[in-house]
Amino acid sequence: MLLQNFRKTRLPPPLPLITTILSYFTLSLLFSISINIITSGLCFFSFGKLGHLLITTITLALFLYTQHKRSLISTIGFWIFIALPILVIQNIGQPDGRTVKEVVTATTEGNLFTINISILLATLLAVSSYFSSPFSRKVARAFTCLAWSIALLPPASFYCYWLFADSIITANTLIALFQTTPAEAIEYASFRGIKFISGLITLALLFLTANITLFLLRKEEPPKTNHLILLAIIIASSFGIYKTSSNYLTYPITDAVIGIQEFNSYKEGFLHREKNIQPQLQSIKKQGDDGLFVVVIGESQTKTHMSAYGYDKSTTPWLKK
């Protein structure tokens, strides 16, 4: 039923269509590879994962075929806004312990990720103008506005944290805020300047809301494109987003989720061990005479590794061995 609401248009003759799309495909491929080289600073591994690059290139080629100049410029502006954090992370801070190949792969995946998001949001906006029913159009634009807001939230949060903290938000920051109490979280925010943060976030949200509202409510004729091509773009870009979702933009969130899951797993194991330790201690049979038992609690404490830092004498006889 929804597809029947689309304005029906005819595709151009097959041969010119194929030639045009192939031209756009070549342009899209060169664009994607060039962006990867610029952001990573390396020609090696700049193709990233070839399957993901191919999906994004095809999606971008179809998108270029369907969009007119004004929509294309707006989409490029939005793409720059959400893709700029990748360049910042690449030059300011990177997760430790990653090889050069892993760093470049995370960068290229982030580039393809942002391209697919920009294409999907712009296409959803175009599709919303196809509905003839006012109610259907409002529902479609409300869904599109929600999608835009969700997509804008991570880069907006990145910019806000970068401006007030002068550092890159990491998974450790999110984990610390999650595990601490609300009072400590508020104290941390106040230490950074809660008024400035609140004002900056409010200003950013107002700016983004105003731009989204103007962008969605402007009167625009739907592009003269067959609805099947738009549907193919939506499916391909959604699949591309899913396949490239592991990148520098999503690392803080995904790594934080993994860290919290590992912490909860360790906590459950600790509670289980604590519950079973009393029966185990009671089952130990006493051997030898009574004496003084010294329990040393610390990190990696053993009888062969118990020296005080900066103390030149051996604190245990086993350190001489």
Protein backbone atom coordinates (compact mmCIF):
# COMPACT_ATOMS: atom_id res chain seq x y z
CA MET A 1 0.00 0.00 0.00
CA LEU A 2 2.81 2.40 0.82
CA LEU A 3 4.51 1.89 -2.53
CA GLN A 4 1.28 2.80 -4.30
CA ASN A 5 1.52 6.28 -2.82
CA PHE A 6 4.76 6.97 -4.65
CA ARG A 7 4.57 9.10 -7.74
CA LYS A 8 5.06 6.78 -10.67
CA THR A 9 7.86 7.67 -13.03
CA ARG A 10 9.43 5.84 -15.91
CA LEU A 11 13.01 4.83 -16.11
CA PRO A 12 15.08 6.13 -19.03
CA PRO A 13 16.21 3.71 -21.76
CA PRO A 14 18.46 0.92 -20.41
CA LEU A 15 21.69 1.75 -22.26
CA PRO A 16 21.95 5.44 -21.28
CA LEU A 17 20.92 4.49 -17.73
CA ILE A 18 23.67 1.86 -17.45
CA THR A 19 26.26 4.24 -18.92
CA THR A 20 25.27 7.01 -16.52
CA ILE A 21 25.32 4.74 -13.47
CA LEU A 22 28.72 3.32 -14.48
CA SER A 23 30.05 6.87 -14.71
CA TYR A 24 28.67 7.63 -11.26
CA PHE A 25 30.10 4.33 -10.00
CA THR A 26 33.59 5.28 -11.16
CA LEU A 27 33.25 8.73 -9.59
CA SER A 28 31.97 7.23 -6.33
CA LEU A 29 34.80 4.70 -6.19
CA LEU A 30 37.44 7.38 -6.70
CA PHE A 31 35.76 9.57 -4.08
CA SER A 32 35.63 6.80 -1.46
CA ILE A 33 39.25 5.76 -1.99
CA SER A 34 40.44 9.39 -1.97
CA ILE A 35 38.67 10.09 1.32
CA ASN A 36 40.22 6.96 2.83
CA ILE A 37 43.71 8.02 1.76
CA ILE A 38 43.25 11.58 3.04
CA THR A 39 41.93 10.58 6.46
CA SER A 40 44.30 7.64 7.02
CA GLY A 41 47.36 9.26 5.48
CA LEU A 42 48.30 5.94 3.87
CA CYS A 43 47.76 4.36 0.49
CA PHE A 44 48.15 0.89 1.97
CA PHE A 45 44.90 -0.66 3.16
CA SER A 46 43.04 2.44 1.87
CA PHE A 47 40.54 0.17 0.11
CA GLY A 48 39.45 -1.12 3.50
CA LYS A 49 37.21 -4.13 3.28
CA LEU A 50 36.48 -4.55 -0.43
CA GLY A 51 32.95 -5.85 0.09
CA HIS A 52 32.00 -2.85 2.21
CA LEU A 53 33.67 -0.49 -0.26
CA LEU A 54 31.72 -2.04 -3.14
CA ILE A 55 28.37 -1.74 -1.33
CA THR A 56 29.01 1.90 -0.46
CA THR A 57 30.20 2.73 -3.97
CA ILE A 58 27.08 1.26 -5.58
CA THR A 59 24.84 3.06 -3.08
CA LEU A 60 26.60 6.36 -3.67
CA ALA A 61 26.39 5.94 -7.45
CA LEU A 62 22.63 5.36 -7.30
CA PHE A 63 22.25 8.30 -4.93
CA LEU A 64 24.15 10.66 -7.22
CA TYR A 65 21.92 9.55 -10.07
CA THR A 66 18.73 10.43 -8.19
CA GLN A 67 19.58 13.72 -6.46
CA HIS A 68 19.48 17.25 -7.77
CA LYS A 69 22.09 19.89 -6.96
CA ARG A 70 20.51 21.46 -3.87
CA SER A 71 19.87 18.17 -2.09
CA LEU A 72 23.35 16.98 -2.98
CA ILE A 73 24.97 20.06 -1.43
CA SER A 74 22.91 19.66 1.76
CA THR A 75 23.90 16.00 1.97
CA ILE A 76 27.59 16.82 1.54
CA GLY A 77 27.36 19.41 4.32
CA PHE A 78 25.76 16.90 6.66
CA TRP A 79 28.34 14.26 5.74
CA ILE A 80 31.20 16.65 6.59
CA PHE A 81 29.59 17.34 9.99
CA ILE A 82 29.40 13.67 10.99
CA ALA A 83 32.66 12.60 9.29
CA LEU A 84 34.94 15.29 10.74
CA PRO A 85 35.33 13.46 14.11
CA ILE A 86 37.13 10.64 12.27
CA LEU A 87 39.82 13.07 11.11
CA VAL A 88 40.09 14.53 14.62
CA ILE A 89 40.46 11.10 16.22
CA GLN A 90 43.01 10.10 13.60
CA ASN A 91 45.22 13.11 14.38
CA ILE A 92 44.65 13.66 18.12
CA GLY A 93 44.00 10.35 19.78
CA GLN A 94 43.71 6.70 18.84
CA PRO A 95 42.91 3.63 20.91
CA ASP A 96 46.06 1.95 22.22
CA GLY A 97 47.17 -1.49 21.16
CA ARG A 98 45.96 -1.34 17.55
CA THR A 99 48.19 -2.14 14.61
CA VAL A 100 48.57 0.17 11.63
CA LYS A 101 46.25 -2.04 9.59
CA GLU A 102 43.61 -1.98 12.33
CA VAL A 103 43.85 1.81 12.61
CA VAL A 104 43.46 2.30 8.85
CA THR A 105 40.62 -0.24 8.70
CA ALA A 106 38.77 1.52 11.51
CA THR A 107 39.24 4.83 9.70
CA THR A 108 38.07 3.56 6.31
CA GLU A 109 35.09 1.79 7.88
CA GLY A 110 34.16 5.05 9.57
CA ASN A 111 34.29 6.91 6.25
CA LEU A 112 32.01 4.36 4.58
CA PHE A 113 29.75 4.38 7.66
CA THR A 114 29.21 8.15 7.47
CA ILE A 115 28.65 8.08 3.71
CA ASN A 116 25.93 5.44 4.07
CA ILE A 117 24.25 7.33 6.91
CA SER A 118 24.19 10.57 4.90
CA ILE A 119 22.74 8.79 1.87
CA LEU A 120 20.08 7.00 3.92
CA LEU A 121 18.88 10.17 5.66
CA ALA A 122 18.76 12.19 2.45
CA THR A 123 16.86 9.40 0.69
CA LEU A 124 14.36 9.09 3.55
CA LEU A 125 13.73 12.81 3.20
CA ALA A 126 13.13 12.42 -0.52
CA VAL A 127 10.83 9.44 0.02
CA SER A 128 8.72 11.37 2.55
CA SER A 129 7.74 13.84 -0.17
CA TYR A 130 6.23 11.06 -2.30
CA PHE A 131 3.26 10.46 -0.01
CA SER A 132 0.09 12.12 -1.23
CA SER A 133 -1.83 11.69 2.03
CA PRO A 134 -1.10 14.50 4.55
CA PHE A 135 -1.18 12.03 7.44
CA SER A 136 1.21 9.61 5.72
CA ARG A 137 3.53 12.48 4.85
CA LYS A 138 3.57 13.68 8.47
CA VAL A 139 4.30 10.17 9.75
CA ALA A 140 7.10 9.73 7.20
CA ARG A 141 8.65 13.08 8.06
CA ALA A 142 8.35 12.41 11.80
CA PHE A 143 10.20 9.13 11.29
CA THR A 144 12.79 10.91 9.16
CA CYS A 145 13.23 13.62 11.79
CA LEU A 146 13.77 10.94 14.45
CA ALA A 147 16.36 9.23 12.27
CA TRP A 148 18.17 12.54 11.72
CA SER A 149 18.19 13.28 15.46
CA ILE A 150 19.64 9.86 16.31
CA ALA A 151 22.31 10.24 13.64
CA LEU A 152 23.24 13.74 14.81
CA LEU A 153 23.49 12.88 18.50
CA PRO A 154 26.88 11.03 18.44
CA PRO A 155 28.81 13.69 16.44
CA ALA A 156 27.17 16.50 18.45
CA SER A 157 28.21 14.76 21.68
CA PHE A 158 31.71 14.34 20.28
CA TYR A 159 32.02 18.04 19.46
CA CYS A 160 30.64 19.12 22.85
CA TYR A 161 32.99 16.87 24.82
CA TRP A 162 35.95 17.84 22.66
CA LEU A 163 35.29 21.55 23.20
CA PHE A 164 34.78 21.51 26.97
CA ALA A 165 37.22 18.70 27.91
CA ASP A 166 39.84 19.33 25.21
CA SER A 167 40.14 15.57 24.73
CA ILE A 168 38.53 12.72 22.83
CA ILE A 169 35.67 10.89 24.49
CA THR A 170 36.61 7.28 25.12
CA ALA A 171 35.01 4.09 26.35
CA ASN A 172 36.74 4.51 29.72
CA THR A 173 34.99 7.86 30.19
CA LEU A 174 31.58 6.34 29.48
CA ILE A 175 32.29 3.34 31.74
CA ALA A 176 33.41 5.63 34.57
CA LEU A 177 30.25 7.72 34.29
CA PHE A 178 28.12 4.58 34.16
CA GLN A 179 29.72 2.96 37.20
CA THR A 180 29.85 6.04 39.38
CA THR A 181 27.03 7.51 41.44
CA PRO A 182 24.86 10.36 40.11
CA ALA A 183 26.41 12.73 42.67
CA GLU A 184 29.95 11.96 41.46
CA ALA A 185 28.89 12.29 37.83
CA ILE A 186 27.39 15.73 38.55
CA GLU A 187 30.54 16.71 40.44
CA TYR A 188 32.66 15.68 37.46
CA ALA A 189 30.46 17.72 35.13
CA SER A 190 30.60 20.74 37.47
CA PHE A 191 34.39 20.45 37.59
CA ARG A 192 34.40 20.77 33.83
CA GLY A 193 31.97 23.69 33.92
CA ILE A 194 28.39 22.48 33.93
CA LYS A 195 26.99 25.87 32.89
CA PHE A 196 29.23 25.99 29.85
CA ILE A 197 28.39 22.39 28.98
CA SER A 198 24.65 22.93 29.36
CA GLY A 199 24.76 26.10 27.29
CA LEU A 200 26.83 24.49 24.57
CA ILE A 201 24.60 21.43 24.36
CA THR A 202 21.45 23.57 24.37
CA LEU A 203 22.85 25.79 21.63
CA ALA A 204 23.86 22.77 19.57
CA LEU A 205 20.45 21.12 19.98
CA LEU A 206 18.62 24.33 19.06
CA PHE A 207 20.83 24.80 16.01
CA LEU A 208 20.35 21.21 14.89
CA THR A 209 16.61 21.28 15.56
CA ALA A 210 16.21 24.49 13.57
CA ASN A 211 18.16 23.10 10.65
CA ILE A 212 16.27 19.81 10.68
CA THR A 213 12.92 21.60 10.87
CA LEU A 214 13.75 23.90 7.98
CA PHE A 215 15.17 21.02 6.00
CA LEU A 216 12.17 18.77 6.52
CA LEU A 217 9.40 21.33 6.16
CA ARG A 218 10.64 23.04 3.03
CA LYS A 219 8.41 22.55 0.03
CA GLU A 220 10.13 20.40 -2.49
CA GLU A 221 8.98 18.37 -5.42
CA PRO A 222 9.99 14.72 -5.24
CA PRO A 223 12.87 13.79 -7.53
CA LYS A 224 11.88 12.37 -10.86
CA THR A 225 13.15 8.92 -10.05
CA ASN A 226 11.57 5.51 -10.08
CA HIS A 227 10.63 4.48 -6.55
CA LEU A 228 12.41 1.15 -6.99
CA ILE A 229 15.75 2.94 -7.21
CA LEU A 230 15.01 4.84 -3.99
CA LEU A 231 14.01 1.59 -2.32
CA ALA A 232 17.26 -0.01 -3.49
CA ILE A 233 19.23 2.94 -2.06
CA ILE A 234 17.49 2.61 1.32
CA ILE A 235 18.17 -1.14 1.50
CA ALA A 236 21.78 -0.85 0.30
CA SER A 237 22.66 2.06 2.60
CA SER A 238 21.05 0.34 5.61
CA PHE A 239 23.06 -2.80 4.87
CA GLY A 240 26.19 -0.70 4.44
CA ILE A 241 25.62 0.98 7.82
CA TYR A 242 25.25 -2.41 9.47
CA LYS A 243 28.40 -3.85 7.87
CA THR A 244 30.59 -0.81 8.67
CA SER A 245 29.26 -0.18 12.18
CA SER A 246 32.61 -1.11 13.78
CA ASN A 247 34.71 2.05 13.40
CA TYR A 248 36.23 4.98 15.26
CA LEU A 249 32.88 6.72 15.66
CA THR A 250 31.25 3.74 17.35
CA TYR A 251 34.26 2.44 19.30
CA PRO A 252 33.55 4.51 22.45
CA ILE A 253 30.02 3.12 22.67
CA THR A 254 30.72 -0.48 21.64
CA ASP A 255 33.88 -0.73 23.77
CA ALA A 256 32.00 0.74 26.73
CA VAL A 257 29.22 -1.83 26.33
CA ILE A 258 31.78 -4.65 26.16
CA GLY A 259 33.60 -3.28 29.20
CA ILE A 260 30.40 -3.03 31.23
CA GLN A 261 29.43 -6.57 30.24
CA GLU A 262 32.85 -7.87 31.32
CA PHE A 263 32.57 -5.98 34.61
CA ASN A 264 29.13 -7.45 35.30
CA SER A 265 30.43 -10.92 34.45
CA TYR A 266 33.38 -10.48 36.82
CA LYS A 267 31.05 -9.17 39.53
CA GLU A 268 28.80 -12.21 39.22
CA GLY A 269 31.83 -14.51 39.39
CA PHE A 270 33.13 -12.68 42.46
CA LEU A 271 29.80 -13.03 44.25
CA HIS A 272 29.75 -16.72 43.37
CA ARG A 273 33.29 -17.24 44.70
CA GLU A 274 32.49 -15.25 47.84
CA LYS A 275 29.47 -17.46 48.50
CA ASN A 276 31.54 -20.65 48.18
CA ILE A 277 34.67 -19.55 50.04
CA GLN A 278 33.32 -20.15 53.56
CA PRO A 279 32.52 -23.84 53.00
CA GLN A 280 35.93 -24.29 51.38
CA LEU A 281 37.72 -22.70 54.35
CA GLN A 282 35.79 -24.80 56.85
CA SER A 283 36.71 -27.98 55.03
CA ILE A 284 40.45 -27.30 55.35
CA LYS A 285 42.04 -29.53 57.98
CA LYS A 286 44.43 -27.99 60.44
CA GLN A 287 48.05 -29.09 60.09
CA GLY A 288 51.03 -28.23 62.28
CA ASP A 289 51.23 -25.80 65.17
CA ASP A 290 49.45 -22.51 65.54
CA GLY A 291 51.32 -19.52 64.23
CA LEU A 292 51.15 -16.04 62.78
CA PHE A 293 49.68 -15.87 59.29
CA VAL A 294 50.42 -12.77 57.21
CA VAL A 295 48.11 -12.07 54.28
CA VAL A 296 49.43 -9.55 51.77
CA ILE A 297 46.78 -8.01 49.55
CA GLY A 298 47.89 -6.17 46.46
CA GLU A 299 48.51 -6.36 42.76
CA SER A 300 50.63 -9.33 41.65
CA GLN A 301 51.93 -9.92 45.17
CA THR A 302 53.99 -13.11 45.59
CA LYS A 303 56.83 -14.10 47.89
CA THR A 304 59.29 -13.58 45.02
CA HIS A 305 57.86 -10.19 44.13
CA MET A 306 57.21 -8.19 47.29
CA SER A 307 59.92 -5.54 47.29
CA ALA A 308 59.08 -1.98 48.33
CA TYR A 309 59.60 0.58 45.57
CA GLY A 310 62.93 2.38 46.00
CA TYR A 311 64.06 0.18 48.92
CA ASP A 312 67.48 -1.27 48.17
CA LYS A 313 67.31 -4.20 50.62
CA SER A 314 65.44 -7.44 50.07
CA THR A 315 62.24 -7.50 52.06
CA THR A 316 61.87 -11.28 51.80
CA PRO A 317 64.51 -14.03 51.64
CA TRP A 318 63.07 -15.34 48.37
CA LEU A 319 64.01 -12.15 46.49
CA LYS A 320 67.66 -13.25 46.49
CA LYS A 321 66.84 -16.34 44.45
